[in-house]
Amino acid sequence: MGTDAGELLNMLRAAAEAGPSAALRRFLGDNYPPAELGQAADRYSRLVERFRILRPGASVALARAPGRINLIGEHTDYNGLPVFPFAIHRDLAAAFAPRPDPVIALHNLDPAYPPRPA
């Protein structure tokens, strides 16, 4: 489900200033421990701001995926034996929107990974 980037950015800024809206508070509370709520709101705010620079006027959708590890023995997963995957504290947050062409453009906000030519 997409939403207007400006609306979302205003919601995140308001959350930082006056406390999060009910929807954002529910999202952050479902996905982050209480001690990390402010940091998570800042992170999503930076993500939406950067998205607006890269795709002005585009409607933005957000997704979050927890990191995961598998506890397995050698060769067990592809031999149909049990594995034990579980979520870890780290995660991936992504902002995205449809494009009018078949191009998939990826951008990383971490300065350690600068843009590279295609």
PDB file of N, CA and C in Angstrom:
ATOM      1  N   MET A   1       0.846  -1.171   0.000  1.00  0.00           N
ATOM      2  CA  MET A   1       0.000   0.000   0.000  1.00  0.00           C
ATOM      3  C   MET A   1       0.893   1.236   0.000  1.00  0.00           C
ATOM      4  N   GLY A   2       0.720   2.125  -0.959  1.00  0.00           N
ATOM      5  CA  GLY A   2       1.521   3.337  -1.054  1.00  0.00           C
ATOM      6  C   GLY A   2       0.826   4.512  -0.399  1.00  0.00           C
ATOM      7  N   THR A   3       1.607   5.504  -0.101  1.00  0.00           N
ATOM      8  CA  THR A   3       1.077   6.747   0.439  1.00  0.00           C
ATOM      9  C   THR A   3       1.921   7.880  -0.115  1.00  0.00           C
ATOM     10  N   ASP A   4       1.397   9.070  -0.084  1.00  0.00           N
ATOM     11  CA  ASP A   4       2.137  10.222  -0.575  1.00  0.00           C
ATOM     12  C   ASP A   4       3.374  10.448   0.284  1.00  0.00           C
ATOM     13  N   ALA A   5       4.537  10.622  -0.359  1.00  0.00           N
ATOM     14  CA  ALA A   5       5.802  10.788   0.364  1.00  0.00           C
ATOM     15  C   ALA A   5       5.761  12.013   1.269  1.00  0.00           C
ATOM     16  N   GLY A   6       5.172  13.100   0.809  1.00  0.00           N
ATOM     17  CA  GLY A   6       5.086  14.304   1.624  1.00  0.00           C
ATOM     18  C   GLY A   6       4.264  14.080   2.878  1.00  0.00           C
ATOM     19  N   GLU A   7       3.144  13.372   2.716  1.00  0.00           N
ATOM     20  CA  GLU A   7       2.297  13.045   3.859  1.00  0.00           C
ATOM     21  C   GLU A   7       3.042  12.206   4.881  1.00  0.00           C
ATOM     22  N   LEU A   8       3.734  11.188   4.377  1.00  0.00           N
ATOM     23  CA  LEU A   8       4.475  10.305   5.263  1.00  0.00           C
ATOM     24  C   LEU A   8       5.604  11.054   5.959  1.00  0.00           C
ATOM     25  N   LEU A   9       6.299  11.896   5.219  1.00  0.00           N
ATOM     26  CA  LEU A   9       7.390  12.670   5.813  1.00  0.00           C
ATOM     27  C   LEU A   9       6.855  13.599   6.893  1.00  0.00           C
ATOM     28  N   ASN A  10       5.734  14.251   6.627  1.00  0.00           N
ATOM     29  CA  ASN A  10       5.127  15.123   7.642  1.00  0.00           C
ATOM     30  C   ASN A  10       4.715  14.322   8.871  1.00  0.00           C
ATOM     31  N   MET A  11       4.184  13.116   8.659  1.00  0.00           N
ATOM     32  CA  MET A  11       3.787  12.263   9.772  1.00  0.00           C
ATOM     33  C   MET A  11       5.010  11.877  10.608  1.00  0.00           C
ATOM     34  N   LEU A  12       6.110  11.535   9.935  1.00  0.00           N
ATOM     35  CA  LEU A  12       7.318  11.153  10.663  1.00  0.00           C
ATOM     36  C   LEU A  12       7.915  12.343  11.413  1.00  0.00           C
ATOM     37  N   ARG A  13       7.907  13.527  10.785  1.00  0.00           N
ATOM     38  CA  ARG A  13       8.419  14.718  11.471  1.00  0.00           C
ATOM     39  C   ARG A  13       7.560  15.061  12.675  1.00  0.00           C
ATOM     40  N   ALA A  14       6.242  14.951  12.494  1.00  0.00           N
ATOM     41  CA  ALA A  14       5.341  15.216  13.615  1.00  0.00           C
ATOM     42  C   ALA A  14       5.571  14.205  14.733  1.00  0.00           C
ATOM     43  N   ALA A  15       5.844  12.971  14.348  1.00  0.00           N
ATOM     44  CA  ALA A  15       6.114  11.938  15.346  1.00  0.00           C
ATOM     45  C   ALA A  15       7.348  12.290  16.157  1.00  0.00           C
ATOM     46  N   ALA A  16       8.356  12.814  15.493  1.00  0.00           N
ATOM     47  CA  ALA A  16       9.594  13.175  16.197  1.00  0.00           C
ATOM     48  C   ALA A  16       9.363  14.358  17.127  1.00  0.00           C
ATOM     49  N   GLU A  17       8.473  15.274  16.733  1.00  0.00           N
ATOM     50  CA  GLU A  17       8.236  16.479  17.520  1.00  0.00           C
ATOM     51  C   GLU A  17       7.181  16.281  18.605  1.00  0.00           C
ATOM     52  N   ALA A  18       6.069  15.655  18.251  1.00  0.00           N
ATOM     53  CA  ALA A  18       4.947  15.600  19.190  1.00  0.00           C
ATOM     54  C   ALA A  18       4.537  14.183  19.554  1.00  0.00           C
ATOM     55  N   GLY A  19       5.326  13.221  19.193  1.00  0.00           N
ATOM     56  CA  GLY A  19       4.943  11.834  19.444  1.00  0.00           C
ATOM     57  C   GLY A  19       4.268  11.277  18.210  1.00  0.00           C
ATOM     58  N   PRO A  20       4.438  10.007  17.949  1.00  0.00           N
ATOM     59  CA  PRO A  20       3.930   9.422  16.716  1.00  0.00           C
ATOM     60  C   PRO A  20       2.418   9.335  16.657  1.00  0.00           C
ATOM     61  N   SER A  21       1.887   9.360  15.428  1.00  0.00           N
ATOM     62  CA  SER A  21       0.459   9.150  15.220  1.00  0.00           C
ATOM     63  C   SER A  21       0.129   7.713  15.624  1.00  0.00           C
ATOM     64  N   ALA A  22      -1.142   7.422  15.727  1.00  0.00           N
ATOM     65  CA  ALA A  22      -1.542   6.074  16.146  1.00  0.00           C
ATOM     66  C   ALA A  22      -1.030   5.018  15.168  1.00  0.00           C
ATOM     67  N   ALA A  23      -1.143   5.259  13.865  1.00  0.00           N
ATOM     68  CA  ALA A  23      -0.700   4.272  12.877  1.00  0.00           C
ATOM     69  C   ALA A  23       0.807   4.073  12.939  1.00  0.00           C
ATOM     70  N   LEU A  24       1.557   5.165  12.999  1.00  0.00           N
ATOM     71  CA  LEU A  24       3.009   5.052  13.053  1.00  0.00           C
ATOM     72  C   LEU A  24       3.446   4.447  14.384  1.00  0.00           C
ATOM     73  N   ARG A  25       2.806   4.841  15.460  1.00  0.00           N
ATOM     74  CA  ARG A  25       3.137   4.289  16.777  1.00  0.00           C
ATOM     75  C   ARG A  25       2.896   2.777  16.778  1.00  0.00           C
ATOM     76  N   ARG A  26       1.808   2.345  16.164  1.00  0.00           N
ATOM     77  CA  ARG A  26       1.500   0.917  16.091  1.00  0.00           C
ATOM     78  C   ARG A  26       2.562   0.185  15.251  1.00  0.00           C
ATOM     79  N   PHE A  27       2.910   0.764  14.075  1.00  0.00           N
ATOM     80  CA  PHE A  27       3.935   0.154  13.223  1.00  0.00           C
ATOM     81  C   PHE A  27       5.267   0.060  13.959  1.00  0.00           C
ATOM     82  N   LEU A  28       5.720   1.165  14.534  1.00  0.00           N
ATOM     83  CA  LEU A  28       6.997   1.173  15.228  1.00  0.00           C
ATOM     84  C   LEU A  28       6.956   0.246  16.441  1.00  0.00           C
ATOM     85  N   GLY A  29       5.858   0.275  17.192  1.00  0.00           N
ATOM     86  CA  GLY A  29       5.727  -0.571  18.374  1.00  0.00           C
ATOM     87  C   GLY A  29       5.698  -2.051  18.040  1.00  0.00           C
ATOM     88  N   ASP A  30       5.129  -2.393  16.894  1.00  0.00           N
ATOM     89  CA  ASP A  30       5.086  -3.792  16.471  1.00  0.00           C
ATOM     90  C   ASP A  30       6.444  -4.287  15.996  1.00  0.00           C
ATOM     91  N   ASN A  31       7.308  -3.366  15.588  1.00  0.00           N
ATOM     92  CA  ASN A  31       8.547  -3.771  14.941  1.00  0.00           C
ATOM     93  C   ASN A  31       9.829  -3.407  15.682  1.00  0.00           C
ATOM     94  N   TYR A  32       9.739  -2.530  16.671  1.00  0.00           N
ATOM     95  CA  TYR A  32      10.946  -2.070  17.359  1.00  0.00           C
ATOM     96  C   TYR A  32      10.718  -2.037  18.861  1.00  0.00           C
ATOM     97  N   PRO A  33      11.754  -2.336  19.639  1.00  0.00           N
ATOM     98  CA  PRO A  33      11.611  -2.234  21.097  1.00  0.00           C
ATOM     99  C   PRO A  33      11.459  -0.777  21.519  1.00  0.00           C
ATOM    100  N   PRO A  34      10.828  -0.522  22.666  1.00  0.00           N
ATOM    101  CA  PRO A  34      10.570   0.858  23.109  1.00  0.00           C
ATOM    102  C   PRO A  34      11.801   1.761  23.116  1.00  0.00           C
ATOM    103  N   ALA A  35      12.933   1.231  23.473  1.00  0.00           N
ATOM    104  CA  ALA A  35      14.147   2.057  23.545  1.00  0.00           C
ATOM    105  C   ALA A  35      14.615   2.522  22.166  1.00  0.00           C
ATOM    106  N   GLU A  36      14.109   1.920  21.096  1.00  0.00           N
ATOM    107  CA  GLU A  36      14.565   2.259  19.743  1.00  0.00           C
ATOM    108  C   GLU A  36      13.525   3.010  18.915  1.00  0.00           C
ATOM    109  N   LEU A  37      12.403   3.375  19.490  1.00  0.00           N
ATOM    110  CA  LEU A  37      11.333   4.014  18.718  1.00  0.00           C
ATOM    111  C   LEU A  37      11.776   5.331  18.101  1.00  0.00           C
ATOM    112  N   GLY A  38      12.463   6.174  18.850  1.00  0.00           N
ATOM    113  CA  GLY A  38      12.913   7.463  18.313  1.00  0.00           C
ATOM    114  C   GLY A  38      13.906   7.279  17.186  1.00  0.00           C
ATOM    115  N   GLN A  39      14.834   6.381  17.367  1.00  0.00           N
ATOM    116  CA  GLN A  39      15.832   6.100  16.337  1.00  0.00           C
ATOM    117  C   GLN A  39      15.161   5.529  15.076  1.00  0.00           C
ATOM    118  N   ALA A  40      14.170   4.660  15.256  1.00  0.00           N
ATOM    119  CA  ALA A  40      13.463   4.089  14.111  1.00  0.00           C
ATOM    120  C   ALA A  40      12.695   5.174  13.355  1.00  0.00           C
ATOM    121  N   ALA A  41      12.026   6.077  14.073  1.00  0.00           N
ATOM    122  CA  ALA A  41      11.300   7.165  13.415  1.00  0.00           C
ATOM    123  C   ALA A  41      12.264   8.046  12.625  1.00  0.00           C
ATOM    124  N   ASP A  42      13.435   8.340  13.183  1.00  0.00           N
ATOM    125  CA  ASP A  42      14.446   9.122  12.457  1.00  0.00           C
ATOM    126  C   ASP A  42      14.912   8.390  11.209  1.00  0.00           C
ATOM    127  N   ARG A  43      15.116   7.095  11.335  1.00  0.00           N
ATOM    128  CA  ARG A  43      15.576   6.294  10.195  1.00  0.00           C
ATOM    129  C   ARG A  43      14.571   6.330   9.046  1.00  0.00           C
ATOM    130  N   TYR A  44      13.291   6.133   9.353  1.00  0.00           N
ATOM    131  CA  TYR A  44      12.276   6.157   8.305  1.00  0.00           C
ATOM    132  C   TYR A  44      12.116   7.562   7.729  1.00  0.00           C
ATOM    133  N   SER A  45      12.305   8.573   8.548  1.00  0.00           N
ATOM    134  CA  SER A  45      12.245   9.949   8.062  1.00  0.00           C
ATOM    135  C   SER A  45      13.352  10.204   7.034  1.00  0.00           C
ATOM    136  N   ARG A  46      14.581   9.773   7.344  1.00  0.00           N
ATOM    137  CA  ARG A  46      15.693   9.929   6.387  1.00  0.00           C
ATOM    138  C   ARG A  46      15.432   9.149   5.107  1.00  0.00           C
ATOM    139  N   LEU A  47      14.867   7.964   5.251  1.00  0.00           N
ATOM    140  CA  LEU A  47      14.567   7.135   4.092  1.00  0.00           C
ATOM    141  C   LEU A  47      13.570   7.828   3.165  1.00  0.00           C
ATOM    142  N   VAL A  48      12.513   8.372   3.736  1.00  0.00           N
ATOM    143  CA  VAL A  48      11.493   9.047   2.928  1.00  0.00           C
ATOM    144  C   VAL A  48      12.046  10.335   2.323  1.00  0.00           C
ATOM    145  N   GLU A  49      12.838  11.083   3.077  1.00  0.00           N
ATOM    146  CA  GLU A  49      13.435  12.309   2.525  1.00  0.00           C
ATOM    147  C   GLU A  49      14.311  11.994   1.317  1.00  0.00           C
ATOM    148  N   ARG A  50      15.141  10.970   1.423  1.00  0.00           N
ATOM    149  CA  ARG A  50      16.013  10.590   0.310  1.00  0.00           C
ATOM    150  C   ARG A  50      15.194  10.101  -0.885  1.00  0.00           C
ATOM    151  N   PHE A  51      14.151   9.343  -0.597  1.00  0.00           N
ATOM    152  CA  PHE A  51      13.281   8.862  -1.668  1.00  0.00           C
ATOM    153  C   PHE A  51      12.672  10.031  -2.432  1.00  0.00           C
ATOM    154  N   ARG A  52      12.240  11.048  -1.705  1.00  0.00           N
ATOM    155  CA  ARG A  52      11.636  12.220  -2.355  1.00  0.00           C
ATOM    156  C   ARG A  52      12.635  12.940  -3.252  1.00  0.00           C
ATOM    157  N   ILE A  53      13.919  12.933  -2.876  1.00  0.00           N
ATOM    158  CA  ILE A  53      14.953  13.546  -3.715  1.00  0.00           C
ATOM    159  C   ILE A  53      15.151  12.721  -4.978  1.00  0.00           C
ATOM    160  N   LEU A  54      15.188  11.405  -4.824  1.00  0.00           N
ATOM    161  CA  LEU A  54      15.449  10.520  -5.960  1.00  0.00           C
ATOM    162  C   LEU A  54      14.240  10.370  -6.880  1.00  0.00           C
ATOM    163  N   ARG A  55      13.036  10.407  -6.329  1.00  0.00           N
ATOM    164  CA  ARG A  55      11.812  10.216  -7.111  1.00  0.00           C
ATOM    165  C   ARG A  55      10.787  11.288  -6.753  1.00  0.00           C
ATOM    166  N   PRO A  56      11.058  12.555  -7.125  1.00  0.00           N
ATOM    167  CA  PRO A  56      10.122  13.624  -6.758  1.00  0.00           C
ATOM    168  C   PRO A  56       8.728  13.363  -7.326  1.00  0.00           C
ATOM    169  N   GLY A  57       7.743  13.547  -6.477  1.00  0.00           N
ATOM    170  CA  GLY A  57       6.352  13.397  -6.892  1.00  0.00           C
ATOM    171  C   GLY A  57       5.834  11.972  -6.892  1.00  0.00           C
ATOM    172  N   ALA A  58       6.686  10.984  -6.700  1.00  0.00           N
ATOM    173  CA  ALA A  58       6.238   9.592  -6.704  1.00  0.00           C
ATOM    174  C   ALA A  58       5.589   9.240  -5.369  1.00  0.00           C
ATOM    175  N   SER A  59       4.569   8.421  -5.435  1.00  0.00           N
ATOM    176  CA  SER A  59       3.952   7.905  -4.219  1.00  0.00           C
ATOM    177  C   SER A  59       4.884   6.844  -3.650  1.00  0.00           C
ATOM    178  N   VAL A  60       5.064   6.838  -2.355  1.00  0.00           N
ATOM    179  CA  VAL A  60       6.031   5.922  -1.740  1.00  0.00           C
ATOM    180  C   VAL A  60       5.326   4.849  -0.930  1.00  0.00           C
ATOM    181  N   ALA A  61       5.867   3.664  -1.002  1.00  0.00           N
ATOM    182  CA  ALA A  61       5.448   2.571  -0.132  1.00  0.00           C
ATOM    183  C   ALA A  61       6.672   2.157   0.665  1.00  0.00           C
ATOM    184  N   LEU A  62       6.448   1.707   1.877  1.00  0.00           N
ATOM    185  CA  LEU A  62       7.546   1.276   2.739  1.00  0.00           C
ATOM    186  C   LEU A  62       7.422  -0.213   3.035  1.00  0.00           C
ATOM    187  N   ALA A  63       8.558  -0.847   3.170  1.00  0.00           N
ATOM    188  CA  ALA A  63       8.590  -2.254   3.556  1.00  0.00           C
ATOM    189  C   ALA A  63       9.717  -2.451   4.559  1.00  0.00           C
ATOM    190  N   ARG A  64       9.531  -3.419   5.436  1.00  0.00           N
ATOM    191  CA  ARG A  64      10.543  -3.768   6.427  1.00  0.00           C
ATOM    192  C   ARG A  64      10.668  -5.276   6.442  1.00  0.00           C
ATOM    193  N   ALA A  65      11.904  -5.749   6.457  1.00  0.00           N
ATOM    194  CA  ALA A  65      12.159  -7.189   6.545  1.00  0.00           C
ATOM    195  C   ALA A  65      13.199  -7.430   7.622  1.00  0.00           C
ATOM    196  N   PRO A  66      12.882  -8.304   8.580  1.00  0.00           N
ATOM    197  CA  PRO A  66      13.873  -8.592   9.612  1.00  0.00           C
ATOM    198  C   PRO A  66      15.035  -9.386   9.039  1.00  0.00           C
ATOM    199  N   GLY A  67      16.203  -9.179   9.634  1.00  0.00           N
ATOM    200  CA  GLY A  67      17.326 -10.033   9.279  1.00  0.00           C
ATOM    201  C   GLY A  67      17.045 -11.438   9.777  1.00  0.00           C
ATOM    202  N   ARG A  68      17.746 -12.407   9.236  1.00  0.00           N
ATOM    203  CA  ARG A  68      17.473 -13.779   9.616  1.00  0.00           C
ATOM    204  C   ARG A  68      18.760 -14.585   9.564  1.00  0.00           C
ATOM    205  N   ILE A  69      18.840 -15.542  10.425  1.00  0.00           N
ATOM    206  CA  ILE A  69      19.942 -16.485  10.376  1.00  0.00           C
ATOM    207  C   ILE A  69      19.365 -17.888  10.399  1.00  0.00           C
ATOM    208  N   ASN A  70      20.119 -18.821   9.900  1.00  0.00           N
ATOM    209  CA  ASN A  70      19.732 -20.226   9.939  1.00  0.00           C
ATOM    210  C   ASN A  70      20.745 -20.992  10.762  1.00  0.00           C
ATOM    211  N   LEU A  71      20.266 -21.729  11.714  1.00  0.00           N
ATOM    212  CA  LEU A  71      21.132 -22.657  12.429  1.00  0.00           C
ATOM    213  C   LEU A  71      20.962 -24.003  11.741  1.00  0.00           C
ATOM    214  N   ILE A  72      21.990 -24.411  11.039  1.00  0.00           N
ATOM    215  CA  ILE A  72      21.908 -25.670  10.299  1.00  0.00           C
ATOM    216  C   ILE A  72      23.218 -26.426  10.431  1.00  0.00           C
ATOM    217  N   GLY A  73      23.147 -27.681  10.165  1.00  0.00           N
ATOM    218  CA  GLY A  73      24.346 -28.489  10.037  1.00  0.00           C
ATOM    219  C   GLY A  73      24.738 -28.507   8.568  1.00  0.00           C
ATOM    220  N   GLU A  74      25.875 -29.040   8.270  1.00  0.00           N
ATOM    221  CA  GLU A  74      26.328 -29.059   6.880  1.00  0.00           C
ATOM    222  C   GLU A  74      25.380 -29.877   6.011  1.00  0.00           C
ATOM    223  N   HIS A  75      25.007 -29.317   4.887  1.00  0.00           N
ATOM    224  CA  HIS A  75      24.235 -29.989   3.832  1.00  0.00           C
ATOM    225  C   HIS A  75      22.822 -30.372   4.260  1.00  0.00           C
ATOM    226  N   THR A  76      22.315 -29.859   5.371  1.00  0.00           N
ATOM    227  CA  THR A  76      20.984 -30.288   5.811  1.00  0.00           C
ATOM    228  C   THR A  76      19.863 -29.617   5.037  1.00  0.00           C
ATOM    229  N   ASP A  77      20.019 -28.329   4.722  1.00  0.00           N
ATOM    230  CA  ASP A  77      18.901 -27.606   4.119  1.00  0.00           C
ATOM    231  C   ASP A  77      18.513 -28.172   2.760  1.00  0.00           C
ATOM    232  N   TYR A  78      19.448 -28.397   1.872  1.00  0.00           N
ATOM    233  CA  TYR A  78      19.077 -28.855   0.538  1.00  0.00           C
ATOM    234  C   TYR A  78      18.874 -30.369   0.461  1.00  0.00           C
ATOM    235  N   ASN A  79      19.096 -31.079   1.542  1.00  0.00           N
ATOM    236  CA  ASN A  79      18.790 -32.513   1.592  1.00  0.00           C
ATOM    237  C   ASN A  79      17.451 -32.777   2.290  1.00  0.00           C
ATOM    238  N   GLY A  80      16.698 -31.710   2.539  1.00  0.00           N
ATOM    239  CA  GLY A  80      15.370 -31.871   3.111  1.00  0.00           C
ATOM    240  C   GLY A  80      15.351 -32.132   4.607  1.00  0.00           C
ATOM    241  N   LEU A  81      16.464 -31.930   5.266  1.00  0.00           N
ATOM    242  CA  LEU A  81      16.507 -32.128   6.714  1.00  0.00           C
ATOM    243  C   LEU A  81      16.143 -30.816   7.409  1.00  0.00           C
ATOM    244  N   PRO A  82      15.873 -30.840   8.702  1.00  0.00           N
ATOM    245  CA  PRO A  82      15.403 -29.623   9.373  1.00  0.00           C
ATOM    246  C   PRO A  82      16.484 -28.541   9.502  1.00  0.00           C
ATOM    247  N   VAL A  83      16.022 -27.321   9.410  1.00  0.00           N
ATOM    248  CA  VAL A  83      16.856 -26.151   9.680  1.00  0.00           C
ATOM    249  C   VAL A  83      16.091 -25.300  10.689  1.00  0.00           C
ATOM    250  N   PHE A  84      16.778 -24.348  11.305  1.00  0.00           N
ATOM    251  CA  PHE A  84      16.147 -23.531  12.336  1.00  0.00           C
ATOM    252  C   PHE A  84      16.372 -22.053  12.023  1.00  0.00           C
ATOM    253  N   PRO A  85      15.547 -21.468  11.108  1.00  0.00           N
ATOM    254  CA  PRO A  85      15.700 -20.044  10.821  1.00  0.00           C
ATOM    255  C   PRO A  85      14.978 -19.210  11.872  1.00  0.00           C
ATOM    256  N   PHE A  86      15.555 -18.062  12.209  1.00  0.00           N
ATOM    257  CA  PHE A  86      14.849 -17.137  13.091  1.00  0.00           C
ATOM    258  C   PHE A  86      15.310 -15.714  12.826  1.00  0.00           C
ATOM    259  N   ALA A  87      14.431 -14.781  13.180  1.00  0.00           N
ATOM    260  CA  ALA A  87      14.707 -13.361  12.958  1.00  0.00           C
ATOM    261  C   ALA A  87      15.732 -12.867  13.968  1.00  0.00           C
ATOM    262  N   ILE A  88      16.523 -11.893  13.528  1.00  0.00           N
ATOM    263  CA  ILE A  88      17.481 -11.251  14.418  1.00  0.00           C
ATOM    264  C   ILE A  88      17.130  -9.776  14.524  1.00  0.00           C
ATOM    265  N   HIS A  89      17.835  -9.073  15.365  1.00  0.00           N
ATOM    266  CA  HIS A  89      17.530  -7.681  15.676  1.00  0.00           C
ATOM    267  C   HIS A  89      17.722  -6.736  14.486  1.00  0.00           C
ATOM    268  N   ARG A  90      18.638  -7.011  13.596  1.00  0.00           N
ATOM    269  CA  ARG A  90      18.886  -6.128  12.456  1.00  0.00           C
ATOM    270  C   ARG A  90      17.784  -6.303  11.422  1.00  0.00           C
ATOM    271  N   ASP A  91      17.565  -5.257  10.604  1.00  0.00           N
ATOM    272  CA  ASP A  91      16.522  -5.351   9.591  1.00  0.00           C
ATOM    273  C   ASP A  91      16.873  -4.518   8.364  1.00  0.00           C
ATOM    274  N   LEU A  92      16.037  -4.632   7.370  1.00  0.00           N
ATOM    275  CA  LEU A  92      16.164  -3.861   6.142  1.00  0.00           C
ATOM    276  C   LEU A  92      14.885  -3.047   5.985  1.00  0.00           C
ATOM    277  N   ALA A  93      15.028  -1.764   5.730  1.00  0.00           N
ATOM    278  CA  ALA A  93      13.879  -0.900   5.460  1.00  0.00           C
ATOM    279  C   ALA A  93      14.016  -0.407   4.029  1.00  0.00           C
ATOM    280  N   ALA A  94      12.935  -0.424   3.276  1.00  0.00           N
ATOM    281  CA  ALA A  94      12.980  -0.020   1.876  1.00  0.00           C
ATOM    282  C   ALA A  94      11.793   0.876   1.552  1.00  0.00           C
ATOM    283  N   ALA A  95      12.051   1.872   0.728  1.00  0.00           N
ATOM    284  CA  ALA A  95      10.992   2.711   0.157  1.00  0.00           C
ATOM    285  C   ALA A  95      10.975   2.401  -1.326  1.00  0.00           C
ATOM    286  N   PHE A  96       9.787   2.312  -1.897  1.00  0.00           N
ATOM    287  CA  PHE A  96       9.711   1.970  -3.309  1.00  0.00           C
ATOM    288  C   PHE A  96       8.447   2.529  -3.934  1.00  0.00           C
ATOM    289  N   ALA A  97       8.458   2.572  -5.270  1.00  0.00           N
ATOM    290  CA  ALA A  97       7.303   3.028  -6.039  1.00  0.00           C
ATOM    291  C   ALA A  97       7.414   2.448  -7.442  1.00  0.00           C
ATOM    292  N   PRO A  98       6.291   2.239  -8.097  1.00  0.00           N
ATOM    293  CA  PRO A  98       6.340   1.758  -9.481  1.00  0.00           C
ATOM    294  C   PRO A  98       6.969   2.806 -10.392  1.00  0.00           C
ATOM    295  N   ARG A  99       7.590   2.343 -11.452  1.00  0.00           N
ATOM    296  CA  ARG A  99       8.171   3.222 -12.473  1.00  0.00           C
ATOM    297  C   ARG A  99       7.418   3.013 -13.778  1.00  0.00           C
ATOM    298  N   PRO A 100       7.468   3.999 -14.678  1.00  0.00           N
ATOM    299  CA  PRO A 100       6.780   3.838 -15.957  1.00  0.00           C
ATOM    300  C   PRO A 100       7.577   2.984 -16.950  1.00  0.00           C
ATOM    301  N   ASP A 101       8.803   2.613 -16.592  1.00  0.00           N
ATOM    302  CA  ASP A 101       9.635   1.814 -17.487  1.00  0.00           C
ATOM    303  C   ASP A 101      10.034   0.519 -16.770  1.00  0.00           C
ATOM    304  N   PRO A 102      10.689  -0.407 -17.458  1.00  0.00           N
ATOM    305  CA  PRO A 102      11.052  -1.682 -16.819  1.00  0.00           C
ATOM    306  C   PRO A 102      12.347  -1.632 -15.997  1.00  0.00           C
ATOM    307  N   VAL A 103      12.823  -0.451 -15.642  1.00  0.00           N
ATOM    308  CA  VAL A 103      14.073  -0.292 -14.911  1.00  0.00           C
ATOM    309  C   VAL A 103      13.851  -0.494 -13.410  1.00  0.00           C
ATOM    310  N   ILE A 104      14.765  -1.207 -12.786  1.00  0.00           N
ATOM    311  CA  ILE A 104      14.783  -1.318 -11.323  1.00  0.00           C
ATOM    312  C   ILE A 104      16.015  -0.567 -10.855  1.00  0.00           C
ATOM    313  N   ALA A 105      15.812   0.514 -10.124  1.00  0.00           N
ATOM    314  CA  ALA A 105      16.924   1.336  -9.629  1.00  0.00           C
ATOM    315  C   ALA A 105      17.021   1.155  -8.125  1.00  0.00           C
ATOM    316  N   LEU A 106      18.200   0.787  -7.646  1.00  0.00           N
ATOM    317  CA  LEU A 106      18.423   0.587  -6.217  1.00  0.00           C
ATOM    318  C   LEU A 106      19.392   1.636  -5.706  1.00  0.00           C
ATOM    319  N   HIS A 107      19.123   2.166  -4.518  1.00  0.00           N
ATOM    320  CA  HIS A 107      19.979   3.167  -3.889  1.00  0.00           C
ATOM    321  C   HIS A 107      20.158   2.778  -2.430  1.00  0.00           C
ATOM    322  N   ASN A 108      21.356   2.908  -1.932  1.00  0.00           N
ATOM    323  CA  ASN A 108      21.660   2.601  -0.539  1.00  0.00           C
ATOM    324  C   ASN A 108      21.935   3.913   0.183  1.00  0.00           C
ATOM    325  N   LEU A 109      21.338   4.122   1.347  1.00  0.00           N
ATOM    326  CA  LEU A 109      21.543   5.364   2.088  1.00  0.00           C
ATOM    327  C   LEU A 109      22.851   5.388   2.862  1.00  0.00           C
ATOM    328  N   ASP A 110      23.488   4.253   3.013  1.00  0.00           N
ATOM    329  CA  ASP A 110      24.737   4.187   3.744  1.00  0.00           C
ATOM    330  C   ASP A 110      25.860   4.755   2.877  1.00  0.00           C
ATOM    331  N   PRO A 111      26.555   5.799   3.341  1.00  0.00           N
ATOM    332  CA  PRO A 111      27.631   6.390   2.532  1.00  0.00           C
ATOM    333  C   PRO A 111      28.777   5.425   2.223  1.00  0.00           C
ATOM    334  N   ALA A 112      28.842   4.315   2.928  1.00  0.00           N
ATOM    335  CA  ALA A 112      29.873   3.322   2.639  1.00  0.00           C
ATOM    336  C   ALA A 112      29.630   2.647   1.283  1.00  0.00           C
ATOM    337  N   TYR A 113      28.410   2.819   0.742  1.00  0.00           N
ATOM    338  CA  TYR A 113      28.055   2.202  -0.534  1.00  0.00           C
ATOM    339  C   TYR A 113      27.593   3.281  -1.508  1.00  0.00           C
ATOM    340  N   PRO A 114      28.537   4.037  -2.096  1.00  0.00           N
ATOM    341  CA  PRO A 114      28.151   5.118  -3.004  1.00  0.00           C
ATOM    342  C   PRO A 114      27.559   4.585  -4.304  1.00  0.00           C
ATOM    343  N   PRO A 115      26.830   5.445  -5.026  1.00  0.00           N
ATOM    344  CA  PRO A 115      26.256   5.011  -6.311  1.00  0.00           C
ATOM    345  C   PRO A 115      27.355   4.593  -7.283  1.00  0.00           C
ATOM    346  N   ARG A 116      27.026   3.604  -8.091  1.00  0.00           N
ATOM    347  CA  ARG A 116      27.923   3.136  -9.144  1.00  0.00           C
ATOM    348  C   ARG A 116      27.175   3.167 -10.469  1.00  0.00           C
ATOM    349  N   PRO A 117      27.896   3.421 -11.562  1.00  0.00           N
ATOM    350  CA  PRO A 117      27.220   3.407 -12.862  1.00  0.00           C
ATOM    351  C   PRO A 117      26.717   2.001 -13.185  1.00  0.00           C
ATOM    352  N   ALA A 118      25.625   1.963 -13.904  1.00  0.00           N
ATOM    353  CA  ALA A 118      25.034   0.668 -14.284  1.00  0.00           C
ATOM    354  C   ALA A 118      25.855  -0.037 -15.336  1.00  0.00           C
TER     355      ALA A 118
END
